[in-house]
Protein backbone atom coordinates (compact mmCIF):
# COMPACT_ATOMS: atom_id res chain seq x y z
CA MET A 1 37.71 86.43 134.25
CA GLU A 2 39.68 86.83 137.44
CA ALA A 3 43.39 86.02 137.26
CA PHE A 4 44.26 82.68 138.86
CA GLY A 5 46.57 84.17 141.48
CA GLU A 6 44.07 86.84 142.45
CA LEU A 7 41.38 84.19 142.84
CA ILE A 8 43.62 82.13 145.11
CA ARG A 9 44.57 85.13 147.24
CA ARG A 10 40.99 86.32 147.57
CA HIS A 11 39.75 82.93 148.75
CA ARG A 12 42.74 82.36 151.03
CA GLU A 13 42.16 85.72 152.70
CA LYS A 14 38.40 85.11 152.86
CA LYS A 15 39.09 81.90 154.80
CA LYS A 16 41.65 83.78 156.92
CA LEU A 17 44.36 81.27 156.01
CA PRO A 18 47.97 82.43 156.30
CA LEU A 19 50.28 81.98 153.33
CA ARG A 20 52.37 79.51 155.32
CA LYS A 21 49.46 77.10 155.88
CA VAL A 22 48.46 76.94 152.21
CA ALA A 23 52.10 76.83 151.11
CA ALA A 24 52.71 73.94 153.50
CA ALA A 25 49.76 72.02 152.03
CA LEU A 26 51.27 72.57 148.58
CA ASP A 27 54.75 71.65 149.85
CA ILE A 28 56.21 74.93 148.55
CA ASP A 29 57.84 77.95 150.13
CA THR A 30 55.62 80.87 151.14
CA SER A 31 57.52 83.15 148.76
CA ILE A 32 56.54 80.92 145.82
CA LEU A 33 52.87 81.01 146.79
CA SER A 34 53.09 84.77 147.19
CA LYS A 35 54.53 85.08 143.68
CA ILE A 36 51.76 82.86 142.29
CA GLU A 37 49.16 85.07 143.96
CA ARG A 38 50.79 88.19 142.48
CA GLY A 39 50.97 86.63 139.02
CA GLU A 40 54.77 86.63 139.01
CA ARG A 41 55.00 82.86 138.83
CA GLN A 42 52.80 80.16 137.31
CA ALA A 43 51.14 77.49 139.40
CA ILE A 44 51.36 73.90 138.21
CA SER A 45 48.41 71.62 137.56
CA ASP A 46 49.32 69.35 140.50
CA MET A 47 48.45 72.25 142.82
CA ILE A 48 44.84 72.53 141.66
CA PRO A 49 43.28 69.67 143.69
CA ILE A 50 45.15 70.76 146.82
CA LEU A 51 44.10 74.39 146.42
CA ALA A 52 40.50 73.37 145.76
CA LEU A 53 40.49 71.33 148.97
CA GLU A 54 42.30 73.92 151.13
CA LEU A 55 40.19 76.84 149.90
CA ASP A 56 36.87 74.99 149.61
CA LEU A 57 36.63 75.72 145.89
CA ASP A 58 34.98 73.73 143.14
CA TYR A 59 37.76 71.70 141.51
CA LYS A 60 36.31 71.94 137.99
CA LYS A 61 35.88 75.73 138.15
CA LEU A 62 39.37 76.18 139.57
CA GLN A 63 40.89 73.92 136.89
CA ILE A 64 39.08 75.87 134.15
CA ASN A 65 40.32 79.17 135.58
CA PHE A 66 43.86 77.77 135.79
CA LEU A 67 43.83 76.49 132.20
CA THR A 68 42.26 79.67 130.83
CA ASN A 69 44.85 81.86 132.54
CA LYS A 70 47.66 79.56 131.38
CA ILE A 71 46.49 79.74 127.76
CA ILE A 72 46.12 83.51 127.87
CA THR A 73 49.47 84.03 129.59
CA GLU A 74 51.45 81.71 127.33
CA LEU A 75 49.62 82.06 124.01
CA GLY A 76 47.33 85.08 124.24
CA ASN A 77 49.46 87.25 121.97
CA GLU A 78 49.77 84.70 119.18
CA LYS A 79 48.26 85.89 115.92
CA PHE A 80 46.17 82.80 115.16
CA ILE A 81 45.23 81.75 118.70
CA LYS A 82 41.48 81.63 118.02
CA GLU A 83 41.91 79.37 115.04
CA ALA A 84 44.34 77.16 116.95
CA LEU A 85 41.91 76.83 119.84
CA LEU A 86 39.09 75.88 117.48
CA GLN A 87 41.32 73.26 115.85
CA SER A 88 42.33 71.97 119.28
CA GLU A 89 38.67 71.68 120.26
CA LYS A 90 37.98 69.55 117.19
CA LEU A 91 40.93 67.27 118.02
CA ILE A 92 39.83 66.93 121.64
CA LYS A 93 36.30 65.93 120.58
CA SER A 94 37.55 63.19 118.25
């Protein structure tokens, strides 16, 4: 799976949108967006609908990519992550 920041950068460049335009839509500084694209800073969930709109991306797919990358980044090295995710899935279903 493509890293969230790389996905954002690729689509922004594909649409020929400058950093400043997308950053303005997100109400953040261009340096923050640049860091998100490079994987040096985490995006926040409030950014997902704006990015989906600005970059013409499917909101659901972008949200799934965001959440997957967040889980891997924050918890990927935990010893029992698979078991915890399975338990979380059971709790979400109930």
